[in-house]
Amino acid sequence: MNDELVELRARHERLQLLYDVSHVIRSSLDPQEAMNLIVAQAVRITQATSGSVVLINPTTHLLEIHASHGLPSKANDLRLRVGEGITGWVAEYGKPARIGDVTQDPRYVRVRDLVCSELAVPLTVRGEVRGVLNVDSERENAFSETDEAMLIDLAGHAAKVIHDTWLYAQLGLKARLFEALVKVSQTINTTLNLDEALQVITRQAALLMEAKLCSLLLADPQRQWLTLRACHGAGAAYMEKPRLSVEDSLVGVVLRRSKPLQVENVQTSTRYQQTSIAQREGLVSLLSVPLVYDEQAIGVLNVYRADPYRFSNEEVRILSALAELSAVAIRKARLYEQVIEVEEALRQNERLSALGMLAAEVAHEIRNPLTVIKMLYHSLDLKFPDGDPRQRDASIVREKMDHLNHIVEQILAFARSAEPNFTQVDLNHVFQDLNILLRHKLRQQGVEGVLDLAPSLELITADALQVEQVFLNLSLNAIQAMPKGGRLNIRTRNEPDAVVAEFEDNGIGMSEEESRIAFGSLLQSTKPGGTGLGLAVVMRVLEAHRATLKLHSVPNQGTRVTLRFPR
């Protein structure tokens, strides 16, 4: 009876102790803090000398100490294979091991001097061994069956807590990832500056991965060199390092294979070429992922931590997601550069067209007085005796007049050859393409561009390039008329006998006199410092298309230009 009472009392004390331990452990949602509590309580309830929580790394499948109590700091660097040592045996077979004298067990791997006995039990989550809970003692046969039963019960609680805290940590990590992705996406959508976007990406990657340094390197078109393009957290030594050879460098492997790569300690790695820079900067572990654009790696995104670290699969996926956004930012910036080039080409084409028309008008204006001069010259009937030097002068004058007349005819013939290439054109498509070209200019000037395009707009017969030049000219003039910002409305609509395109701004407007000469001669302008070429080109193109233009403008209120193209 007394034995049963003692056993019952001991069982009650054990259950109370486990309840207290479980309550303490569940008081923390931080995984590391929870594991520290678990190992401390395991040492306490078994009256051990030291203890540790050892978990299986999902990436390397090695056993790593994640929390310890009473062990030397160097013990945390220990890595065991599953099956190696007593701990590895427990992890492999999922069974507890209670060793009274470790010196008699060939499986034992010494971590601390003076250890005589060991008790190890598996940490099982949903039927799968995820780690081992160990306690050691400097006494032989220090652990009883009761201790083993208590540690198994504690390991059961601990496994649930570790699982829950891991889930909580993963949710927190995913929440931070989502927040980082949102910030990066917003930056990419709101900026056309590639360097600014890449700087945001490296900063967010460093914060998200808790890294000391994050860098982004891009390859040259020949894929021979990697050059630093953006960086966060770097010192002078890293910023001033030379470019890397794709063929010979460690991160060059990431570019060539288009696969992530990680190094637990670059300071001791024989593959890492710049160990001196890593030591000066305090860089230890490295994770490098490729930037893939059009199915080809164009650069790498690197994160460095200040401690030896093995990045999990989840962390590799996170950095790869940020690398994909980097590639999007690069693609967007390059597309924008192409748009700028196209816009510049259009403007250059417009200038050439304007110069051609100007040359034609100048040639036409020169031909009339030149014809009069030739007529008057012939009417003078200048005849001089042989040997008179004036005979030679008169001959030169006649030759030069003929030369001038030939030049004028060539200019006029060239101008006449630039006839429109008529095809079926949808003005809505022209405006949509133009909107891409004007987007940066509108944002620069603080002008809001509004497209109000009629559905099912009728096609017109026109030269699409010349019509686009007209629309570009009118849009740029409207933007320039709003130096302090404003609103540009562009509309299209069908009318019984015409397709209408309308431009309306709320800019500085024009006076009646300025409106009258706005689309006049190539040599007149309504703007200070202007040449008048742009709007004159508009008028010439419209005439060639049998289109009409109506201008309505009020000073300080705005201008409306209405174009009607025949159906």
Protein backbone atom coordinates (compact mmCIF):
# COMPACT_ATOMS: atom_id res chain seq x y z
CA MET A 1 0.00 0.00 0.00
CA ASN A 2 2.81 2.38 0.90
CA ASP A 3 4.67 1.47 -2.32
CA GLU A 4 1.56 2.26 -4.38
CA LEU A 5 1.16 5.56 -2.56
CA VAL A 6 4.80 6.46 -3.20
CA GLU A 7 4.41 5.52 -6.88
CA LEU A 8 1.19 7.49 -7.18
CA ARG A 9 2.78 10.50 -5.53
CA ALA A 10 5.83 10.28 -7.84
CA ARG A 11 3.55 10.02 -10.86
CA HIS A 12 1.58 13.03 -9.70
CA GLU A 13 4.78 15.01 -9.20
CA ARG A 14 5.98 13.99 -12.66
CA LEU A 15 2.71 15.02 -14.29
CA GLN A 16 2.73 18.31 -12.39
CA LEU A 17 6.33 18.90 -13.46
CA LEU A 18 5.50 18.13 -17.09
CA TYR A 19 2.49 20.42 -16.92
CA ASP A 20 4.63 23.24 -15.54
CA VAL A 21 7.29 22.63 -18.17
CA SER A 22 4.70 22.52 -20.96
CA HIS A 23 3.16 25.77 -19.70
CA VAL A 24 6.60 27.46 -19.65
CA ILE A 25 7.48 26.17 -23.12
CA ARG A 26 4.18 27.28 -24.68
CA SER A 27 4.65 30.76 -23.27
CA SER A 28 6.94 31.60 -26.20
CA LEU A 29 6.20 31.73 -29.91
CA ASP A 30 9.82 32.35 -30.85
CA PRO A 31 11.35 29.04 -32.09
CA GLN A 32 14.80 29.66 -30.66
CA GLU A 33 13.47 30.78 -27.30
CA ALA A 34 11.16 27.74 -27.16
CA MET A 35 14.05 25.34 -27.85
CA ASN A 36 16.23 27.05 -25.21
CA LEU A 37 13.42 26.58 -22.68
CA ILE A 38 12.97 22.92 -23.70
CA VAL A 39 16.61 21.98 -23.19
CA ALA A 40 16.86 23.92 -19.92
CA GLN A 41 13.77 22.18 -18.52
CA ALA A 42 15.02 18.78 -19.74
CA VAL A 43 18.28 19.26 -17.84
CA ARG A 44 16.37 20.39 -14.75
CA ILE A 45 13.81 17.57 -14.51
CA THR A 46 16.39 14.84 -15.16
CA GLN A 47 19.04 16.49 -12.91
CA ALA A 48 21.49 16.28 -15.83
CA THR A 49 24.72 18.24 -16.29
CA SER A 50 24.13 19.35 -19.89
CA GLY A 51 21.68 18.92 -22.70
CA SER A 52 20.89 19.84 -26.29
CA VAL A 53 18.15 19.98 -28.92
CA VAL A 54 19.50 18.57 -32.19
CA LEU A 55 17.47 19.00 -35.38
CA ILE A 56 17.80 17.50 -38.85
CA ASN A 57 18.61 20.19 -41.43
CA PRO A 58 16.07 19.69 -44.27
CA THR A 59 18.60 20.92 -46.86
CA THR A 60 21.75 19.02 -45.82
CA HIS A 61 20.07 16.22 -43.80
CA LEU A 62 22.75 16.70 -41.16
CA LEU A 63 22.08 16.83 -37.43
CA GLU A 64 22.77 20.32 -36.04
CA ILE A 65 22.60 21.61 -32.46
CA HIS A 66 19.95 24.37 -32.35
CA ALA A 67 19.87 24.88 -28.56
CA SER A 68 22.11 23.73 -25.74
CA HIS A 69 22.54 24.03 -21.96
CA GLY A 70 25.86 23.42 -20.23
CA LEU A 71 27.77 22.62 -23.45
CA PRO A 72 30.87 24.54 -24.63
CA SER A 73 30.17 27.09 -27.42
CA LYS A 74 32.25 25.13 -29.94
CA ALA A 75 29.79 22.24 -29.60
CA ASN A 76 27.26 24.27 -31.65
CA ASP A 77 29.51 23.82 -34.71
CA LEU A 78 29.18 20.01 -34.53
CA ARG A 79 27.48 18.33 -37.53
CA LEU A 80 26.53 14.64 -37.46
CA ARG A 81 25.13 12.42 -40.17
CA VAL A 82 21.93 10.55 -39.40
CA GLY A 83 23.15 7.25 -37.91
CA GLU A 84 26.38 8.76 -36.57
CA GLY A 85 26.88 8.72 -32.78
CA ILE A 86 24.21 7.90 -30.21
CA THR A 87 22.23 10.96 -31.32
CA GLY A 88 22.41 9.85 -34.95
CA TRP A 89 21.29 6.34 -34.01
CA VAL A 90 18.20 7.71 -32.20
CA ALA A 91 17.43 9.94 -35.24
CA GLU A 92 17.79 6.99 -37.62
CA TYR A 93 15.71 4.43 -35.71
CA GLY A 94 13.32 6.75 -33.83
CA LYS A 95 13.96 4.95 -30.53
CA PRO A 96 15.26 6.30 -27.18
CA ALA A 97 18.79 5.42 -25.98
CA ARG A 98 19.84 5.35 -22.30
CA ILE A 99 23.58 4.76 -21.88
CA GLY A 100 24.96 4.23 -18.34
CA ASP A 101 28.63 4.41 -19.40
CA VAL A 102 29.34 6.15 -22.69
CA THR A 103 32.96 4.95 -22.73
CA GLN A 104 31.65 1.42 -23.30
CA ASP A 105 29.47 2.40 -26.25
CA PRO A 106 31.30 2.53 -29.63
CA ARG A 107 28.63 4.82 -31.05
CA TYR A 108 29.45 7.70 -28.68
CA VAL A 109 30.90 10.93 -30.14
CA ARG A 110 32.49 13.04 -27.42
CA VAL A 111 31.29 16.63 -27.32
CA ARG A 112 32.22 17.50 -23.72
CA ASP A 113 34.82 16.12 -21.37
CA LEU A 114 33.81 14.26 -18.17
CA VAL A 115 30.51 12.99 -19.63
CA CYS A 116 29.77 9.52 -18.28
CA SER A 117 26.13 8.79 -19.17
CA GLU A 118 23.66 9.96 -21.82
CA LEU A 119 19.93 9.86 -22.40
CA ALA A 120 18.56 10.67 -25.88
CA VAL A 121 14.97 10.51 -27.16
CA PRO A 122 13.56 11.28 -30.63
CA LEU A 123 11.60 14.45 -31.45
CA THR A 124 8.80 13.18 -33.67
CA VAL A 125 6.41 15.45 -35.61
CA ARG A 126 3.48 13.75 -37.34
CA GLY A 127 5.22 10.40 -37.36
CA GLU A 128 8.51 11.73 -38.72
CA VAL A 129 11.70 12.12 -36.68
CA ARG A 130 12.77 15.78 -36.92
CA GLY A 131 15.47 15.75 -34.25
CA VAL A 132 16.73 14.45 -30.92
CA LEU A 133 16.51 15.70 -27.31
CA ASN A 134 19.73 14.83 -25.39
CA VAL A 135 20.81 15.09 -21.74
CA ASP A 136 24.27 14.16 -20.36
CA SER A 137 25.63 13.60 -16.87
CA GLU A 138 29.06 13.38 -15.30
CA ARG A 139 27.74 10.47 -13.19
CA GLU A 140 27.55 6.91 -14.43
CA ASN A 141 24.06 5.38 -14.68
CA ALA A 142 22.63 8.81 -13.90
CA PHE A 143 19.31 8.26 -15.70
CA SER A 144 16.53 5.88 -14.67
CA GLU A 145 13.55 4.47 -16.54
CA THR A 146 11.49 7.20 -14.90
CA ASP A 147 13.83 9.84 -16.32
CA GLU A 148 13.52 8.22 -19.73
CA ALA A 149 9.71 8.20 -19.51
CA MET A 150 9.69 11.84 -18.40
CA LEU A 151 12.05 12.88 -21.22
CA ILE A 152 9.89 11.02 -23.77
CA ASP A 153 6.82 12.86 -22.48
CA LEU A 154 8.72 16.16 -22.58
CA ALA A 155 9.94 15.39 -26.11
CA GLY A 156 6.30 14.86 -27.14
CA HIS A 157 5.37 18.30 -25.80
CA ALA A 158 8.53 19.78 -27.27
CA ALA A 159 7.90 18.33 -30.74
CA LYS A 160 4.43 19.90 -30.83
CA VAL A 161 5.80 23.22 -29.64
CA ILE A 162 8.64 23.12 -32.17
CA HIS A 163 6.14 22.30 -34.93
CA ASP A 164 3.78 25.10 -33.86
CA THR A 165 6.56 27.64 -33.48
CA TRP A 166 8.00 26.66 -36.86
CA LEU A 167 4.59 27.17 -38.43
CA TYR A 168 4.31 30.53 -36.68
CA ALA A 169 7.79 31.51 -37.84
CA GLN A 170 7.01 30.42 -41.40
CA LEU A 171 3.81 32.46 -41.38
CA GLY A 172 5.78 35.46 -40.10
CA LEU A 173 8.41 34.88 -42.76
CA LYS A 174 5.76 34.62 -45.49
CA ALA A 175 4.08 37.77 -44.19
CA ARG A 176 7.42 39.62 -44.35
CA LEU A 177 8.02 38.17 -47.80
CA PHE A 178 4.61 39.35 -48.99
CA GLU A 179 5.27 42.81 -47.56
CA ALA A 180 8.70 42.92 -49.23
CA LEU A 181 7.27 41.75 -52.56
CA VAL A 182 4.55 44.41 -52.36
CA LYS A 183 7.14 47.13 -51.68
CA VAL A 184 9.36 45.95 -54.49
CA SER A 185 6.41 45.64 -56.89
CA GLN A 186 5.24 49.15 -56.01
CA THR A 187 8.74 50.49 -56.63
CA ILE A 188 8.96 48.75 -60.00
CA ASN A 189 5.55 50.11 -61.02
CA THR A 190 6.23 53.67 -59.89
CA THR A 191 9.80 54.19 -61.06
CA LEU A 192 11.42 53.97 -64.46
CA ASN A 193 14.89 54.33 -62.97
CA LEU A 194 16.59 50.94 -63.00
CA ASP A 195 19.23 51.80 -60.38
CA GLU A 196 16.55 52.99 -57.94
CA ALA A 197 14.49 49.81 -58.39
CA LEU A 198 17.50 47.53 -57.92
CA GLN A 199 18.55 49.45 -54.81
CA VAL A 200 15.12 48.83 -53.27
CA ILE A 201 15.37 45.12 -54.14
CA THR A 202 18.78 44.70 -52.48
CA ARG A 203 17.62 46.60 -49.38
CA GLN A 204 14.44 44.50 -49.03
CA ALA A 205 16.35 41.26 -49.64
CA ALA A 206 18.87 42.14 -46.92
CA LEU A 207 16.11 42.95 -44.42
CA LEU A 208 14.04 39.89 -45.28
CA MET A 209 16.94 37.44 -45.12
CA GLU A 210 18.44 39.12 -42.02
CA ALA A 211 21.63 39.50 -44.05
CA LYS A 212 24.64 41.67 -43.42
CA LEU A 213 25.02 42.48 -47.11
CA CYS A 214 23.04 42.05 -50.30
CA SER A 215 24.42 42.72 -53.77
CA LEU A 216 23.19 42.48 -57.33
CA LEU A 217 25.60 41.89 -60.21
CA LEU A 218 24.79 42.04 -63.93
CA ALA A 219 26.62 40.30 -66.75
CA ASP A 220 27.91 42.14 -69.82
CA PRO A 221 26.33 41.28 -73.22
CA GLN A 222 29.14 38.81 -73.95
CA ARG A 223 28.57 37.09 -70.56
CA GLN A 224 32.26 37.35 -69.67
CA TRP A 225 32.13 39.67 -66.64
CA LEU A 226 29.85 40.33 -63.68
CA THR A 227 29.70 43.96 -62.54
CA LEU A 228 28.24 45.26 -59.26
CA ARG A 229 25.04 47.19 -60.08
CA ALA A 230 23.31 47.60 -56.69
CA CYS A 231 24.30 46.91 -53.08
CA HIS A 232 23.01 47.27 -49.51
CA GLY A 233 25.14 47.06 -46.36
CA ALA A 234 28.55 46.99 -48.10
CA GLY A 235 31.69 48.74 -46.94
CA ALA A 236 34.38 50.35 -49.05
CA ALA A 237 36.32 47.09 -49.53
CA TYR A 238 33.35 45.35 -51.14
CA MET A 239 32.21 48.37 -53.17
CA GLU A 240 35.68 48.83 -54.68
CA LYS A 241 36.30 45.19 -55.58
CA PRO A 242 37.00 44.49 -59.26
CA ARG A 243 34.45 42.92 -61.58
CA LEU A 244 34.21 39.12 -61.52
CA SER A 245 35.00 36.71 -64.32
CA VAL A 246 31.96 34.58 -65.24
CA GLU A 247 34.25 31.70 -66.13
CA ASP A 248 36.45 31.69 -63.03
CA SER A 249 34.39 33.11 -60.12
CA LEU A 250 32.15 31.22 -57.71
CA VAL A 251 29.04 33.29 -58.47
CA GLY A 252 29.87 32.88 -62.17
CA VAL A 253 28.81 29.24 -61.69
CA VAL A 254 25.34 30.51 -60.67
CA LEU A 255 25.13 32.52 -63.89
CA ARG A 256 26.34 29.70 -66.14
CA ARG A 257 24.12 27.01 -64.60
CA SER A 258 21.12 29.25 -63.79
CA LYS A 259 20.83 27.52 -60.39
CA PRO A 260 21.12 28.79 -56.78
CA LEU A 261 24.31 28.14 -54.84
CA GLN A 262 25.17 28.54 -51.17
CA VAL A 263 28.40 28.45 -49.17
CA GLU A 264 28.30 28.05 -45.40
CA ASN A 265 31.55 29.96 -44.84
CA VAL A 266 33.18 31.92 -47.68
CA GLN A 267 36.15 32.79 -45.46
CA THR A 268 37.27 29.16 -45.43
CA SER A 269 35.96 28.09 -48.84
CA THR A 270 38.63 27.24 -51.43
CA ARG A 271 36.17 28.12 -54.22
CA TYR A 272 35.62 31.71 -53.03
CA GLN A 273 38.25 34.02 -54.55
CA GLN A 274 37.93 37.13 -52.39
CA THR A 275 38.33 35.75 -48.88
CA SER A 276 40.35 38.81 -47.76
CA ILE A 277 37.44 41.12 -48.65
CA ALA A 278 35.03 38.74 -46.89
CA GLN A 279 37.16 38.86 -43.75
CA ARG A 280 37.40 42.68 -43.77
CA GLU A 281 33.65 43.02 -44.36
CA GLY A 282 32.70 40.29 -41.86
CA LEU A 283 30.95 38.14 -44.48
CA VAL A 284 30.56 34.45 -43.73
CA SER A 285 27.68 32.51 -45.33
CA LEU A 286 26.55 33.19 -48.92
CA LEU A 287 23.40 32.46 -50.90
CA SER A 288 23.49 33.38 -54.59
CA VAL A 289 20.53 33.02 -57.01
CA PRO A 290 20.38 33.78 -60.76
CA LEU A 291 18.45 36.62 -62.40
CA VAL A 292 16.70 34.97 -65.35
CA TYR A 293 15.45 37.14 -68.24
CA ASP A 294 14.09 35.63 -71.48
CA GLU A 295 15.16 32.17 -70.24
CA GLN A 296 18.76 33.31 -69.85
CA ALA A 297 20.62 34.29 -66.67
CA ILE A 298 21.68 37.93 -66.94
CA GLY A 299 23.02 38.41 -63.42
CA VAL A 300 23.03 37.18 -59.82
CA LEU A 301 21.50 38.30 -56.52
CA ASN A 302 23.70 37.58 -53.45
CA VAL A 303 23.01 37.70 -49.72
CA TYR A 304 25.72 37.33 -47.07
CA ARG A 305 25.22 36.62 -43.39
CA ALA A 306 27.77 37.37 -40.67
CA ASP A 307 27.65 33.84 -39.22
CA PRO A 308 28.04 30.28 -40.56
CA TYR A 309 24.56 29.46 -41.82
CA ARG A 310 22.71 26.96 -44.01
CA PHE A 311 19.85 28.60 -45.91
CA SER A 312 16.63 26.56 -45.98
CA ASN A 313 14.70 25.66 -49.13
CA GLU A 314 12.11 28.26 -48.16
CA GLU A 315 14.76 30.97 -47.96
CA VAL A 316 16.16 29.95 -51.35
CA ARG A 317 12.64 30.25 -52.82
CA ILE A 318 12.19 33.67 -51.20
CA LEU A 319 15.41 35.06 -52.66
CA SER A 320 14.59 33.51 -56.03
CA ALA A 321 11.24 35.35 -55.97
CA LEU A 322 13.04 38.64 -55.37
CA ALA A 323 15.45 37.76 -58.18
CA GLU A 324 12.48 37.30 -60.52
CA LEU A 325 11.27 40.80 -59.58
CA SER A 326 14.75 42.11 -60.28
CA ALA A 327 14.58 40.59 -63.74
CA VAL A 328 11.18 42.25 -64.26
CA ALA A 329 12.63 45.62 -63.22
CA ILE A 330 15.54 45.17 -65.62
CA ARG A 331 13.18 44.15 -68.42
CA LYS A 332 10.92 47.12 -67.78
CA ALA A 333 13.85 49.54 -67.73
CA ARG A 334 15.24 48.12 -70.96
CA LEU A 335 11.83 48.29 -72.66
CA TYR A 336 11.53 51.88 -71.52
CA GLU A 337 14.95 52.65 -72.98
CA GLN A 338 13.73 51.18 -76.28
CA VAL A 339 10.59 53.33 -76.08
CA ILE A 340 12.75 56.42 -75.57
CA GLU A 341 14.84 55.43 -78.59
CA VAL A 342 11.69 54.98 -80.71
CA GLU A 343 10.34 58.33 -79.51
CA GLU A 344 13.65 59.99 -80.36
CA ALA A 345 13.63 58.31 -83.78
CA LEU A 346 10.11 59.64 -84.39
CA ARG A 347 11.18 63.10 -83.40
CA GLN A 348 14.22 62.85 -85.65
CA ASN A 349 12.00 61.67 -88.49
CA GLU A 350 9.68 64.57 -87.78
CA ARG A 351 12.61 67.01 -87.92
CA LEU A 352 13.78 65.52 -91.20
CA SER A 353 10.26 65.82 -92.63
CA ALA A 354 10.07 69.39 -91.44
CA LEU A 355 13.47 70.22 -92.93
CA GLY A 356 12.41 68.63 -96.21
CA MET A 357 9.29 70.78 -96.29
CA LEU A 358 11.30 73.83 -95.29
CA ALA A 359 13.78 73.12 -98.06
CA ALA A 360 10.90 72.77 -100.54
CA GLU A 361 9.40 76.08 -99.46
CA VAL A 362 12.78 77.83 -99.59
CA ALA A 363 13.46 76.32 -103.02
CA HIS A 364 10.05 77.45 -104.22
CA GLU A 365 10.65 80.97 -102.91
CA ILE A 366 14.13 81.08 -104.51
CA ARG A 367 12.94 79.81 -107.90
CA ASN A 368 10.63 82.77 -108.53
CA PRO A 369 13.23 85.54 -108.12
CA LEU A 370 15.80 83.32 -109.83
CA THR A 371 13.54 83.06 -112.86
CA VAL A 372 13.18 86.84 -112.93
CA ILE A 373 16.95 87.28 -112.66
CA LYS A 374 17.52 84.87 -115.57
CA MET A 375 14.94 86.65 -117.71
CA LEU A 376 16.49 90.04 -116.98
CA TYR A 377 19.97 88.67 -117.64
CA HIS A 378 18.97 87.35 -121.05
CA SER A 379 17.11 90.58 -121.86
CA LEU A 380 20.29 92.56 -121.27
CA ASP A 381 21.86 90.64 -124.15
CA LEU A 382 25.35 91.20 -122.77
CA LYS A 383 27.90 90.83 -125.57
CA PHE A 384 31.53 91.81 -125.16
CA PRO A 385 34.41 91.76 -127.64
CA ASP A 386 36.80 88.83 -127.66
CA GLY A 387 39.49 89.26 -125.07
CA ASP A 388 37.30 91.49 -122.86
CA PRO A 389 37.46 89.99 -119.27
CA ARG A 390 33.79 90.91 -118.79
CA GLN A 391 32.88 88.20 -121.33
CA ARG A 392 34.28 85.58 -118.98
CA ASP A 393 32.44 87.13 -115.97
CA ALA A 394 29.11 87.10 -117.84
CA SER A 395 29.65 83.45 -118.78
CA ILE A 396 30.29 82.52 -115.12
CA VAL A 397 27.12 84.37 -114.01
CA ARG A 398 25.06 82.44 -116.58
CA GLU A 399 26.56 79.10 -115.48
CA LYS A 400 25.92 79.78 -111.80
CA MET A 401 22.30 80.76 -112.44
CA ASP A 402 21.81 77.48 -114.31
CA HIS A 403 23.51 75.66 -111.41
CA LEU A 404 21.17 77.32 -108.90
CA ASN A 405 18.15 76.44 -111.00
CA HIS A 406 19.30 72.80 -111.15
CA ILE A 407 19.68 72.67 -107.33
CA VAL A 408 16.20 74.13 -106.85
CA GLU A 409 14.68 71.56 -109.23
CA GLN A 410 16.43 68.73 -107.35
CA ILE A 411 15.08 69.92 -103.98
CA LEU A 412 11.54 70.23 -105.33
CA ALA A 413 11.74 66.79 -106.96
CA PHE A 414 12.93 65.27 -103.66
CA ALA A 415 10.10 66.94 -101.74
CA ARG A 416 7.52 65.71 -104.24
CA SER A 417 8.82 62.12 -103.90
CA ALA A 418 7.92 61.97 -100.17
CA GLU A 419 4.32 61.03 -100.84
CA PRO A 420 2.23 59.34 -98.11
CA ASN A 421 1.98 55.53 -98.07
CA PHE A 422 -1.77 55.06 -97.66
CA THR A 423 -3.17 52.01 -95.82
CA GLN A 424 -6.19 51.25 -93.63
CA VAL A 425 -5.46 52.78 -90.20
CA ASP A 426 -7.21 52.52 -86.82
CA LEU A 427 -6.63 55.84 -85.04
CA ASN A 428 -7.34 54.23 -81.66
CA HIS A 429 -4.32 51.94 -82.13
CA VAL A 430 -2.19 54.92 -83.12
CA PHE A 431 -3.21 56.74 -79.92
CA GLN A 432 -2.56 53.67 -77.75
CA ASP A 433 0.97 53.35 -79.16
CA LEU A 434 1.48 57.09 -78.76
CA ASN A 435 0.40 56.90 -75.11
CA ILE A 436 3.36 54.60 -74.40
CA LEU A 437 5.75 57.09 -75.99
CA LEU A 438 4.30 60.06 -74.10
CA ARG A 439 3.99 58.42 -70.66
CA HIS A 440 7.39 59.58 -69.39
CA LYS A 441 6.97 63.09 -70.82
CA LEU A 442 3.54 63.46 -69.18
CA ARG A 443 4.89 62.32 -65.82
CA GLN A 444 7.89 64.64 -66.15
CA GLN A 445 5.67 67.68 -66.79
CA GLY A 446 3.06 66.74 -64.18
CA VAL A 447 0.39 66.40 -66.87
CA GLU A 448 -2.46 63.92 -66.60
CA GLY A 449 -3.12 62.22 -69.94
CA VAL A 450 -6.67 60.93 -70.48
CA LEU A 451 -7.63 58.76 -73.46
CA ASP A 452 -11.34 58.73 -74.35
CA LEU A 453 -11.39 56.45 -77.39
CA ALA A 454 -14.64 55.57 -79.13
CA PRO A 455 -15.34 51.84 -79.39
CA SER A 456 -15.63 50.43 -82.92
CA LEU A 457 -13.93 53.44 -84.47
CA GLU A 458 -14.12 53.43 -88.29
CA LEU A 459 -10.89 52.86 -90.20
CA ILE A 460 -9.44 55.65 -92.32
CA THR A 461 -7.14 55.63 -95.34
CA ALA A 462 -3.89 57.23 -94.19
CA ASP A 463 -0.12 56.96 -93.75
CA ALA A 464 0.12 55.61 -90.17
CA LEU A 465 3.62 57.02 -89.59
CA GLN A 466 2.72 60.52 -90.79
CA VAL A 467 -0.51 60.50 -88.75
CA GLU A 468 1.45 59.44 -85.68
CA GLN A 469 3.86 62.34 -86.30
CA VAL A 470 0.89 64.72 -86.41
CA PHE A 471 -0.53 63.37 -83.15
CA LEU A 472 2.90 63.42 -81.47
CA ASN A 473 3.40 67.05 -82.53
CA LEU A 474 0.01 68.17 -81.24
CA SER A 475 0.47 66.27 -77.96
CA LEU A 476 3.95 67.71 -77.32
CA ASN A 477 2.69 71.22 -78.06
CA ALA A 478 -0.18 70.72 -75.60
CA ILE A 479 2.23 69.43 -72.91
CA GLN A 480 4.56 72.39 -73.47
CA ALA A 481 1.58 74.70 -73.05
CA MET A 482 1.14 73.38 -69.48
CA PRO A 483 4.51 74.15 -67.80
CA LYS A 484 2.97 73.87 -64.32
CA GLY A 485 1.07 70.68 -65.06
CA GLY A 486 -2.48 70.13 -66.17
CA ARG A 487 -4.69 67.74 -68.09
CA LEU A 488 -4.54 66.58 -71.70
CA ASN A 489 -7.71 64.95 -73.03
CA ILE A 490 -7.49 62.99 -76.26
CA ARG A 491 -10.76 61.81 -77.78
CA THR A 492 -11.91 59.95 -80.87
CA ARG A 493 -15.42 59.59 -82.29
CA ASN A 494 -17.30 58.63 -85.42
CA GLU A 495 -19.29 61.26 -87.35
CA PRO A 496 -21.47 60.65 -90.41
CA ASP A 497 -18.80 61.69 -92.91
CA ALA A 498 -15.61 61.71 -90.84
CA VAL A 499 -13.52 60.15 -88.09
CA VAL A 500 -12.66 62.81 -85.51
CA ALA A 501 -9.58 63.09 -83.29
CA GLU A 502 -9.57 65.86 -80.67
CA PHE A 503 -6.82 67.24 -78.41
CA GLU A 504 -7.81 69.48 -75.49
CA ASP A 505 -5.53 70.98 -72.84
CA ASN A 506 -5.99 73.50 -70.02
CA GLY A 507 -2.72 75.29 -70.66
CA ILE A 508 -1.73 78.88 -71.41
CA GLY A 509 -3.78 79.07 -74.62
CA MET A 510 -3.26 81.46 -77.56
CA SER A 511 -4.50 84.84 -78.65
CA GLU A 512 -6.52 85.28 -81.86
CA GLU A 513 -3.42 86.43 -83.74
CA GLU A 514 -1.37 83.50 -82.49
CA SER A 515 -4.16 81.08 -83.42
CA ARG A 516 -4.33 82.61 -86.91
CA ILE A 517 -0.64 82.03 -87.70
CA ALA A 518 -0.15 78.84 -85.66
CA PHE A 519 -0.49 76.49 -88.65
CA GLY A 520 0.79 78.90 -91.25
CA SER A 521 4.22 79.16 -92.83
CA LEU A 522 7.10 76.93 -91.88
CA LEU A 523 9.02 80.07 -91.00
CA GLN A 524 6.53 81.37 -88.42
CA SER A 525 6.11 80.36 -84.77
CA THR A 526 3.80 81.23 -81.89
CA LYS A 527 6.34 80.13 -79.25
CA PRO A 528 9.39 82.09 -78.10
CA GLY A 529 12.44 80.44 -79.62
CA GLY A 530 10.28 78.14 -81.80
CA THR A 531 10.80 77.55 -85.52
CA GLY A 532 7.19 76.95 -86.53
CA LEU A 533 8.21 73.71 -88.23
CA GLY A 534 6.11 71.36 -86.07
CA LEU A 535 2.65 72.78 -86.64
CA ALA A 536 3.41 73.56 -90.29
CA VAL A 537 4.28 69.86 -90.77
CA VAL A 538 0.93 69.00 -89.18
CA MET A 539 -0.87 71.18 -91.72
CA ARG A 540 1.01 69.77 -94.71
CA VAL A 541 0.32 66.16 -93.64
CA LEU A 542 -3.38 66.92 -93.08
CA GLU A 543 -3.61 68.50 -96.54
CA ALA A 544 -2.09 65.37 -98.07
CA HIS A 545 -4.74 63.31 -96.24
CA ARG A 546 -7.62 65.65 -97.22
CA ALA A 547 -8.22 66.15 -93.51
CA THR A 548 -9.33 69.40 -91.85
CA LEU A 549 -8.20 71.11 -88.66
CA LYS A 550 -10.17 73.41 -86.39
CA LEU A 551 -8.47 75.37 -83.61
CA HIS A 552 -10.19 76.94 -80.63
CA SER A 553 -8.02 78.60 -77.97
CA VAL A 554 -8.57 81.02 -75.09
CA PRO A 555 -5.61 82.70 -73.31
CA ASN A 556 -4.96 81.19 -69.83
CA GLN A 557 -7.77 78.67 -70.31
CA GLY A 558 -6.53 76.19 -72.88
CA THR A 559 -6.65 74.99 -76.44
CA ARG A 560 -8.75 72.48 -78.36
CA VAL A 561 -7.61 71.12 -81.73
CA THR A 562 -10.13 69.07 -83.72
CA LEU A 563 -9.03 66.94 -86.68
CA ARG A 564 -11.51 65.44 -89.16
CA PHE A 565 -10.37 62.62 -91.44
CA PRO A 566 -12.73 61.71 -94.31
CA ARG A 567 -14.34 58.25 -94.06
